């Protein structure tokens, strides 16, 4: 296996982002084969060399894992909840490596949530610079007129600024509500709910169906699958990683 820079190894193992990993090295918190390392150019091979962070050994099986969870409603997107509510950790505790949710879904929302131990991948998937598309199936109250739909597509004026252009498809109307498909390339807090409320049609139900090239496919609420190597490579390529 080809040697890699320590900060890249730490990032792929889910310790932190590559930039923050550099800080750990400079602080003397990383060792290779029993020796503290402070040089950012240091390379090693995970599995061949013993790499420790704050005394904890990194293991090769913890590299590059990405899970797709169909997060159910009434579940928080954290690994621990002081209020004792169900968390996404309840669904991934069978996996031996440390996994962290990529972004968030509201407590009452459902759908696709990625979890990974690849810190740099998680960072880029959430960073606005990379404009990773996220698609939502949204049920809104009432029947938005053409003017409201145009605003959702072109940009909604929220308290934190005008939203970026979005892709929108009207899926279905019923007597009291409308189903929309909405694709965003930014990730503000409660963005879908705030956008729809701003045009007078509050969200009644929200499901995320796609992140970048990754889709829910046939997963059901609470079910989880591990991405195969090809899908992980596609996801990494989507944000400029090899």
C-alpha atoms as a PDB file:
ATOM      1  CA  UNK A   1       0.000   0.000   0.000  1.00  0.00           C
ATOM      2  CA  UNK A   2       1.256   3.471  -0.912  1.00  0.00           C
ATOM      3  CA  UNK A   3       2.254   5.716   2.030  1.00  0.00           C
ATOM      4  CA  UNK A   4      -0.035   8.688   2.688  1.00  0.00           C
ATOM      5  CA  UNK A   5       0.367  11.902   4.627  1.00  0.00           C
ATOM      6  CA  UNK A   6      -0.731  11.558   8.227  1.00  0.00           C
ATOM      7  CA  UNK A   7      -3.365  14.281   7.971  1.00  0.00           C
ATOM      8  CA  UNK A   8      -5.002  12.415   5.082  1.00  0.00           C
ATOM      9  CA  UNK A   9      -4.994   9.155   7.037  1.00  0.00           C
ATOM     10  CA  UNK A  10      -6.600  10.840  10.044  1.00  0.00           C
ATOM     11  CA  UNK A  11      -9.235  12.472   7.877  1.00  0.00           C
ATOM     12  CA  UNK A  12     -10.160   9.221   6.117  1.00  0.00           C
ATOM     13  CA  UNK A  13     -10.402   7.481   9.490  1.00  0.00           C
ATOM     14  CA  UNK A  14     -13.023   9.988  10.599  1.00  0.00           C
ATOM     15  CA  UNK A  15     -10.945  11.633  13.312  1.00  0.00           C
ATOM     16  CA  UNK A  16     -11.464  15.125  11.923  1.00  0.00           C
ATOM     17  CA  UNK A  17     -11.083  17.149   8.726  1.00  0.00           C
ATOM     18  CA  UNK A  18      -7.688  17.257   7.046  1.00  0.00           C
ATOM     19  CA  UNK A  19      -7.077  20.843   8.131  1.00  0.00           C
ATOM     20  CA  UNK A  20      -7.852  20.112  11.776  1.00  0.00           C
ATOM     21  CA  UNK A  21      -5.735  16.952  11.582  1.00  0.00           C
ATOM     22  CA  UNK A  22      -2.757  19.171  10.816  1.00  0.00           C
ATOM     23  CA  UNK A  23      -3.410  20.916  14.126  1.00  0.00           C
ATOM     24  CA  UNK A  24      -3.386  17.594  15.989  1.00  0.00           C
ATOM     25  CA  UNK A  25      -0.007  16.772  14.454  1.00  0.00           C
ATOM     26  CA  UNK A  26       1.500  20.157  15.294  1.00  0.00           C
ATOM     27  CA  UNK A  27       0.233  19.794  18.874  1.00  0.00           C
ATOM     28  CA  UNK A  28       2.126  16.513  19.264  1.00  0.00           C
ATOM     29  CA  UNK A  29      -1.016  14.430  19.688  1.00  0.00           C
ATOM     30  CA  UNK A  30      -0.155  11.954  16.919  1.00  0.00           C
ATOM     31  CA  UNK A  31       2.459   9.203  17.071  1.00  0.00           C
ATOM     32  CA  UNK A  32       3.783   6.737  14.491  1.00  0.00           C
ATOM     33  CA  UNK A  33       5.366   3.512  15.729  1.00  0.00           C
ATOM     34  CA  UNK A  34       5.706   4.929  19.217  1.00  0.00           C
ATOM     35  CA  UNK A  35       7.281   8.268  18.253  1.00  0.00           C
ATOM     36  CA  UNK A  36       5.507  11.629  18.456  1.00  0.00           C
ATOM     37  CA  UNK A  37       5.284  13.254  15.021  1.00  0.00           C
ATOM     38  CA  UNK A  38       5.142  17.021  14.485  1.00  0.00           C
ATOM     39  CA  UNK A  39       6.090  17.246  10.799  1.00  0.00           C
ATOM     40  CA  UNK A  40       3.128  17.757   8.451  1.00  0.00           C
ATOM     41  CA  UNK A  41       4.905  15.998   5.586  1.00  0.00           C
ATOM     42  CA  UNK A  42       5.238  12.722   7.489  1.00  0.00           C
ATOM     43  CA  UNK A  43       3.834   9.710   5.638  1.00  0.00           C
ATOM     44  CA  UNK A  44       2.745   6.301   6.878  1.00  0.00           C
ATOM     45  CA  UNK A  45       0.704   3.258   5.909  1.00  0.00           C
ATOM     46  CA  UNK A  46      -2.350   2.505   8.006  1.00  0.00           C
ATOM     47  CA  UNK A  47      -2.163  -1.142   9.015  1.00  0.00           C
ATOM     48  CA  UNK A  48       1.590  -1.420   8.515  1.00  0.00           C
ATOM     49  CA  UNK A  49       2.508   1.434  10.846  1.00  0.00           C
ATOM     50  CA  UNK A  50       1.028   1.875  14.293  1.00  0.00           C
ATOM     51  CA  UNK A  51      -0.654   5.282  14.271  1.00  0.00           C
ATOM     52  CA  UNK A  52      -2.073   6.693  17.483  1.00  0.00           C
ATOM     53  CA  UNK A  53      -4.096   9.829  18.188  1.00  0.00           C
ATOM     54  CA  UNK A  54      -4.221  10.825  21.846  1.00  0.00           C
ATOM     55  CA  UNK A  55      -3.070   7.289  22.621  1.00  0.00           C
ATOM     56  CA  UNK A  56      -5.828   5.583  20.610  1.00  0.00           C
ATOM     57  CA  UNK A  57      -4.700   3.286  17.790  1.00  0.00           C
ATOM     58  CA  UNK A  58      -6.205   3.709  14.332  1.00  0.00           C
ATOM     59  CA  UNK A  59      -7.232   0.463  12.667  1.00  0.00           C
ATOM     60  CA  UNK A  60      -7.223  -0.173   8.901  1.00  0.00           C
ATOM     61  CA  UNK A  61     -10.772  -1.507   8.844  1.00  0.00           C
ATOM     62  CA  UNK A  62     -12.017   1.957   9.800  1.00  0.00           C
ATOM     63  CA  UNK A  63     -11.094   3.466   6.422  1.00  0.00           C
ATOM     64  CA  UNK A  64     -13.581   4.987   4.014  1.00  0.00           C
ATOM     65  CA  UNK A  65     -16.906   3.704   5.332  1.00  0.00           C
ATOM     66  CA  UNK A  66     -20.071   5.445   4.119  1.00  0.00           C
ATOM     67  CA  UNK A  67     -23.521   4.332   5.235  1.00  0.00           C
ATOM     68  CA  UNK A  68     -26.909   5.346   3.885  1.00  0.00           C
ATOM     69  CA  UNK A  69     -29.606   5.500   6.552  1.00  0.00           C
ATOM     70  CA  UNK A  70     -33.296   6.080   5.934  1.00  0.00           C
ATOM     71  CA  UNK A  71     -33.731   8.261   8.985  1.00  0.00           C
ATOM     72  CA  UNK A  72     -37.237   7.849  10.347  1.00  0.00           C
ATOM     73  CA  UNK A  73     -39.298  10.702  11.706  1.00  0.00           C
ATOM     74  CA  UNK A  74     -39.087  11.541  15.415  1.00  0.00           C
ATOM     75  CA  UNK A  75     -35.374  10.743  15.523  1.00  0.00           C
ATOM     76  CA  UNK A  76     -32.578  13.252  16.150  1.00  0.00           C
ATOM     77  CA  UNK A  77     -29.525  13.481  13.897  1.00  0.00           C
ATOM     78  CA  UNK A  78     -26.978  13.257  16.701  1.00  0.00           C
ATOM     79  CA  UNK A  79     -25.115  10.437  18.407  1.00  0.00           C
ATOM     80  CA  UNK A  80     -26.507  11.319  21.838  1.00  0.00           C
ATOM     81  CA  UNK A  81     -29.580  13.198  22.999  1.00  0.00           C
ATOM     82  CA  UNK A  82     -29.792  14.596  26.552  1.00  0.00           C
ATOM     83  CA  UNK A  83     -33.590  14.389  26.341  1.00  0.00           C
ATOM     84  CA  UNK A  84     -33.438  10.660  25.741  1.00  0.00           C
ATOM     85  CA  UNK A  85     -35.033  10.740  22.294  1.00  0.00           C
ATOM     86  CA  UNK A  86     -34.102   8.153  19.645  1.00  0.00           C
ATOM     87  CA  UNK A  87     -30.913   9.069  17.768  1.00  0.00           C
ATOM     88  CA  UNK A  88     -29.274   7.889  14.560  1.00  0.00           C
ATOM     89  CA  UNK A  89     -26.690   6.123  16.737  1.00  0.00           C
ATOM     90  CA  UNK A  90     -29.381   3.570  17.571  1.00  0.00           C
ATOM     91  CA  UNK A  91     -29.242   2.370  13.965  1.00  0.00           C
ATOM     92  CA  UNK A  92     -25.457   2.204  13.475  1.00  0.00           C
ATOM     93  CA  UNK A  93     -24.185   0.913  16.829  1.00  0.00           C
ATOM     94  CA  UNK A  94     -23.553  -2.530  15.284  1.00  0.00           C
ATOM     95  CA  UNK A  95     -20.680  -1.087  13.259  1.00  0.00           C
ATOM     96  CA  UNK A  96     -17.315  -1.213  15.093  1.00  0.00           C
ATOM     97  CA  UNK A  97     -15.919   2.072  13.726  1.00  0.00           C
ATOM     98  CA  UNK A  98     -16.846   5.598  14.767  1.00  0.00           C
ATOM     99  CA  UNK A  99     -19.373   7.043  12.344  1.00  0.00           C
ATOM    100  CA  UNK A 100     -20.684  10.583  12.197  1.00  0.00           C
ATOM    101  CA  UNK A 101     -23.790  11.983  10.471  1.00  0.00           C
ATOM    102  CA  UNK A 102     -23.154  14.210   7.462  1.00  0.00           C
ATOM    103  CA  UNK A 103     -25.305  17.273   8.083  1.00  0.00           C
ATOM    104  CA  UNK A 104     -28.709  17.080   9.712  1.00  0.00           C
ATOM    105  CA  UNK A 105     -32.336  16.293   9.149  1.00  0.00           C
ATOM    106  CA  UNK A 106     -34.970  17.823  11.401  1.00  0.00           C
ATOM    107  CA  UNK A 107     -36.510  15.700  14.155  1.00  0.00           C
ATOM    108  CA  UNK A 108     -39.816  15.493  12.279  1.00  0.00           C
ATOM    109  CA  UNK A 109     -38.199  14.998   8.843  1.00  0.00           C
ATOM    110  CA  UNK A 110     -37.204  11.688   7.320  1.00  0.00           C
ATOM    111  CA  UNK A 111     -35.121  10.308   4.528  1.00  0.00           C
ATOM    112  CA  UNK A 112     -31.559   9.922   3.317  1.00  0.00           C
ATOM    113  CA  UNK A 113     -28.819  10.575   5.839  1.00  0.00           C
ATOM    114  CA  UNK A 114     -25.191   9.716   5.162  1.00  0.00           C
ATOM    115  CA  UNK A 115     -22.895   8.607   7.973  1.00  0.00           C
ATOM    116  CA  UNK A 116     -19.164   8.224   7.519  1.00  0.00           C
ATOM    117  CA  UNK A 117     -15.809   7.977   9.244  1.00  0.00           C
ATOM    118  CA  UNK A 118     -14.186   9.987   6.422  1.00  0.00           C
ATOM    119  CA  UNK A 119     -13.786  13.437   7.941  1.00  0.00           C
ATOM    120  CA  UNK A 120     -12.724  15.221   4.766  1.00  0.00           C
ATOM    121  CA  UNK A 121     -15.585  13.743   2.750  1.00  0.00           C
ATOM    122  CA  UNK A 122     -18.098  14.780   5.420  1.00  0.00           C
ATOM    123  CA  UNK A 123     -16.652  18.292   5.493  1.00  0.00           C
ATOM    124  CA  UNK A 124     -16.873  18.754   1.731  1.00  0.00           C
ATOM    125  CA  UNK A 125     -20.368  17.317   1.423  1.00  0.00           C
ATOM    126  CA  UNK A 126     -21.581  20.024   3.814  1.00  0.00           C
ATOM    127  CA  UNK A 127     -19.449  22.942   2.606  1.00  0.00           C
ATOM    128  CA  UNK A 128     -21.327  25.427   0.369  1.00  0.00           C
ATOM    129  CA  UNK A 129     -18.277  25.725  -1.891  1.00  0.00           C
ATOM    130  CA  UNK A 130     -18.960  22.294  -3.404  1.00  0.00           C
ATOM    131  CA  UNK A 131     -22.682  22.898  -4.028  1.00  0.00           C
ATOM    132  CA  UNK A 132     -23.648  19.266  -3.504  1.00  0.00           C
ATOM    133  CA  UNK A 133     -27.268  18.839  -4.675  1.00  0.00           C
ATOM    134  CA  UNK A 134     -29.774  17.526  -2.152  1.00  0.00           C
ATOM    135  CA  UNK A 135     -33.257  16.526  -3.286  1.00  0.00           C
ATOM    136  CA  UNK A 136     -36.345  16.588  -1.072  1.00  0.00           C
ATOM    137  CA  UNK A 137     -39.880  15.317  -1.471  1.00  0.00           C
ATOM    138  CA  UNK A 138     -41.995  18.012   0.157  1.00  0.00           C
ATOM    139  CA  UNK A 139     -45.686  18.066   1.029  1.00  0.00           C
ATOM    140  CA  UNK A 140     -46.921  21.647   1.438  1.00  0.00           C
ATOM    141  CA  UNK A 141     -50.260  23.013   2.554  1.00  0.00           C
ATOM    142  CA  UNK A 142     -52.530  24.261  -0.193  1.00  0.00           C
ATOM    143  CA  UNK A 143     -51.775  24.747  -3.864  1.00  0.00           C
ATOM    144  CA  UNK A 144     -48.892  27.136  -4.596  1.00  0.00           C
ATOM    145  CA  UNK A 145     -49.670  29.373  -7.586  1.00  0.00           C
ATOM    146  CA  UNK A 146     -47.209  29.846 -10.428  1.00  0.00           C
ATOM    147  CA  UNK A 147     -45.820  32.984  -8.778  1.00  0.00           C
ATOM    148  CA  UNK A 148     -44.940  31.119  -5.570  1.00  0.00           C
ATOM    149  CA  UNK A 149     -43.344  28.257  -7.499  1.00  0.00           C
ATOM    150  CA  UNK A 150     -41.249  30.733  -9.476  1.00  0.00           C
ATOM    151  CA  UNK A 151     -39.988  32.341  -6.262  1.00  0.00           C
ATOM    152  CA  UNK A 152     -39.003  28.940  -4.858  1.00  0.00           C
ATOM    153  CA  UNK A 153     -37.052  28.243  -8.038  1.00  0.00           C
ATOM    154  CA  UNK A 154     -35.423  31.636  -8.499  1.00  0.00           C
ATOM    155  CA  UNK A 155     -34.664  32.522  -4.872  1.00  0.00           C
ATOM    156  CA  UNK A 156     -36.576  33.230  -1.669  1.00  0.00           C
ATOM    157  CA  UNK A 157     -35.752  36.286   0.414  1.00  0.00           C
ATOM    158  CA  UNK A 158     -35.119  34.918   3.922  1.00  0.00           C
ATOM    159  CA  UNK A 159     -33.775  36.687   7.003  1.00  0.00           C
ATOM    160  CA  UNK A 160     -30.273  35.380   6.213  1.00  0.00           C
ATOM    161  CA  UNK A 161     -30.373  36.383   2.547  1.00  0.00           C
ATOM    162  CA  UNK A 162     -31.814  35.252  -0.760  1.00  0.00           C
ATOM    163  CA  UNK A 163     -31.594  31.522  -1.405  1.00  0.00           C
ATOM    164  CA  UNK A 164     -29.728  30.142  -4.401  1.00  0.00           C
ATOM    165  CA  UNK A 165     -31.744  28.977  -7.426  1.00  0.00           C
ATOM    166  CA  UNK A 166     -33.422  25.608  -6.889  1.00  0.00           C
ATOM    167  CA  UNK A 167     -34.837  22.900  -9.125  1.00  0.00           C
ATOM    168  CA  UNK A 168     -38.556  22.304  -8.581  1.00  0.00           C
ATOM    169  CA  UNK A 169     -41.078  19.812  -9.938  1.00  0.00           C
ATOM    170  CA  UNK A 170     -44.756  19.617  -8.984  1.00  0.00           C
ATOM    171  CA  UNK A 171     -45.369  15.926  -8.312  1.00  0.00           C
ATOM    172  CA  UNK A 172     -49.019  15.723  -7.274  1.00  0.00           C
ATOM    173  CA  UNK A 173     -51.944  17.809  -6.019  1.00  0.00           C
ATOM    174  CA  UNK A 174     -54.676  16.601  -3.718  1.00  0.00           C
ATOM    175  CA  UNK A 175     -57.578  18.448  -2.132  1.00  0.00           C
ATOM    176  CA  UNK A 176     -55.625  20.285   0.565  1.00  0.00           C
ATOM    177  CA  UNK A 177     -51.938  19.837  -0.232  1.00  0.00           C
ATOM    178  CA  UNK A 178     -49.300  19.623  -2.952  1.00  0.00           C
ATOM    179  CA  UNK A 179     -46.279  17.345  -3.299  1.00  0.00           C
ATOM    180  CA  UNK A 180     -43.120  18.966  -4.662  1.00  0.00           C
ATOM    181  CA  UNK A 181     -39.647  17.736  -5.551  1.00  0.00           C
ATOM    182  CA  UNK A 182     -37.123  20.389  -4.517  1.00  0.00           C
ATOM    183  CA  UNK A 183     -33.378  20.211  -5.182  1.00  0.00           C
ATOM    184  CA  UNK A 184     -31.082  22.619  -3.327  1.00  0.00           C
ATOM    185  CA  UNK A 185     -27.350  23.266  -3.633  1.00  0.00           C
ATOM    186  CA  UNK A 186     -26.921  24.958  -0.274  1.00  0.00           C
ATOM    187  CA  UNK A 187     -27.696  23.850   3.259  1.00  0.00           C
ATOM    188  CA  UNK A 188     -29.071  26.527   5.548  1.00  0.00           C
ATOM    189  CA  UNK A 189     -30.798  25.576   8.784  1.00  0.00           C
ATOM    190  CA  UNK A 190     -34.435  24.554   8.236  1.00  0.00           C
ATOM    191  CA  UNK A 191     -34.075  25.881   4.695  1.00  0.00           C
ATOM    192  CA  UNK A 192     -36.855  23.942   2.969  1.00  0.00           C
ATOM    193  CA  UNK A 193     -39.342  24.740   5.725  1.00  0.00           C
ATOM    194  CA  UNK A 194     -38.430  28.421   5.745  1.00  0.00           C
ATOM    195  CA  UNK A 195     -38.612  28.726   1.963  1.00  0.00           C
ATOM    196  CA  UNK A 196     -42.051  27.174   1.746  1.00  0.00           C
ATOM    197  CA  UNK A 197     -43.385  29.142   4.708  1.00  0.00           C
ATOM    198  CA  UNK A 198     -42.109  32.363   3.125  1.00  0.00           C
ATOM    199  CA  UNK A 199     -44.306  31.830   0.051  1.00  0.00           C
ATOM    200  CA  UNK A 200     -47.335  31.006   2.205  1.00  0.00           C
ATOM    201  CA  UNK A 201     -47.362  27.213   1.945  1.00  0.00           C
ATOM    202  CA  UNK A 202     -45.967  25.578   5.112  1.00  0.00           C
ATOM    203  CA  UNK A 203     -44.364  22.145   4.982  1.00  0.00           C
ATOM    204  CA  UNK A 204     -46.546  19.287   6.178  1.00  0.00           C
ATOM    205  CA  UNK A 205     -44.064  16.496   5.479  1.00  0.00           C
ATOM    206  CA  UNK A 206     -40.422  16.406   4.426  1.00  0.00           C
ATOM    207  CA  UNK A 207     -38.300  13.572   3.060  1.00  0.00           C
ATOM    208  CA  UNK A 208     -34.781  13.796   1.661  1.00  0.00           C
ATOM    209  CA  UNK A 209     -34.393  11.383  -1.245  1.00  0.00           C
ATOM    210  CA  UNK A 210     -30.963  12.110  -2.703  1.00  0.00           C
ATOM    211  CA  UNK A 211     -27.541  13.558  -1.801  1.00  0.00           C
ATOM    212  CA  UNK A 212     -25.194  14.042  -4.746  1.00  0.00           C
ATOM    213  CA  UNK A 213     -25.305  10.771  -6.726  1.00  0.00           C
ATOM    214  CA  UNK A 214     -26.609   8.720  -3.766  1.00  0.00           C
ATOM    215  CA  UNK A 215     -30.316   7.817  -3.542  1.00  0.00           C
ATOM    216  CA  UNK A 216     -32.543   6.045  -1.022  1.00  0.00           C
ATOM    217  CA  UNK A 217     -33.489   3.373  -3.571  1.00  0.00           C
ATOM    218  CA  UNK A 218     -35.577   0.691  -1.839  1.00  0.00           C
ATOM    219  CA  UNK A 219     -34.610   1.449   1.774  1.00  0.00           C
ATOM    220  CA  UNK A 220     -37.415   1.693   4.330  1.00  0.00           C
ATOM    221  CA  UNK A 221     -37.450   3.892   7.462  1.00  0.00           C
ATOM    222  CA  UNK A 222     -34.811   2.678   9.897  1.00  0.00           C
ATOM    223  CA  UNK A 223     -32.999   0.556   7.317  1.00  0.00           C
ATOM    224  CA  UNK A 224     -29.368   1.079   6.444  1.00  0.00           C
ATOM    225  CA  UNK A 225     -26.924   0.002   3.765  1.00  0.00           C
ATOM    226  CA  UNK A 226     -23.195   0.342   3.319  1.00  0.00           C
ATOM    227  CA  UNK A 227     -22.042   1.938   0.082  1.00  0.00           C
ATOM    228  CA  UNK A 228     -19.865  -0.206  -2.137  1.00  0.00           C
ATOM    229  CA  UNK A 229     -16.427   1.028  -3.151  1.00  0.00           C
ATOM    230  CA  UNK A 230     -17.610   2.255  -6.549  1.00  0.00           C
ATOM    231  CA  UNK A 231     -20.367   4.379  -4.977  1.00  0.00           C
ATOM    232  CA  UNK A 232     -17.933   5.812  -2.428  1.00  0.00           C
ATOM    233  CA  UNK A 233     -15.543   6.760  -5.228  1.00  0.00           C
ATOM    234  CA  UNK A 234     -18.395   8.447  -7.099  1.00  0.00           C
ATOM    235  CA  UNK A 235     -19.357  10.400  -3.997  1.00  0.00           C
ATOM    236  CA  UNK A 236     -15.767  11.482  -3.374  1.00  0.00           C
ATOM    237  CA  UNK A 237     -15.339  12.503  -7.012  1.00  0.00           C
ATOM    238  CA  UNK A 238     -18.473  14.642  -6.648  1.00  0.00           C
ATOM    239  CA  UNK A 239     -16.618  16.845  -4.156  1.00  0.00           C
ATOM    240  CA  UNK A 240     -13.193  16.804  -5.803  1.00  0.00           C
ATOM    241  CA  UNK A 241     -11.585  13.948  -3.862  1.00  0.00           C
ATOM    242  CA  UNK A 242      -9.758  10.954  -5.325  1.00  0.00           C
END
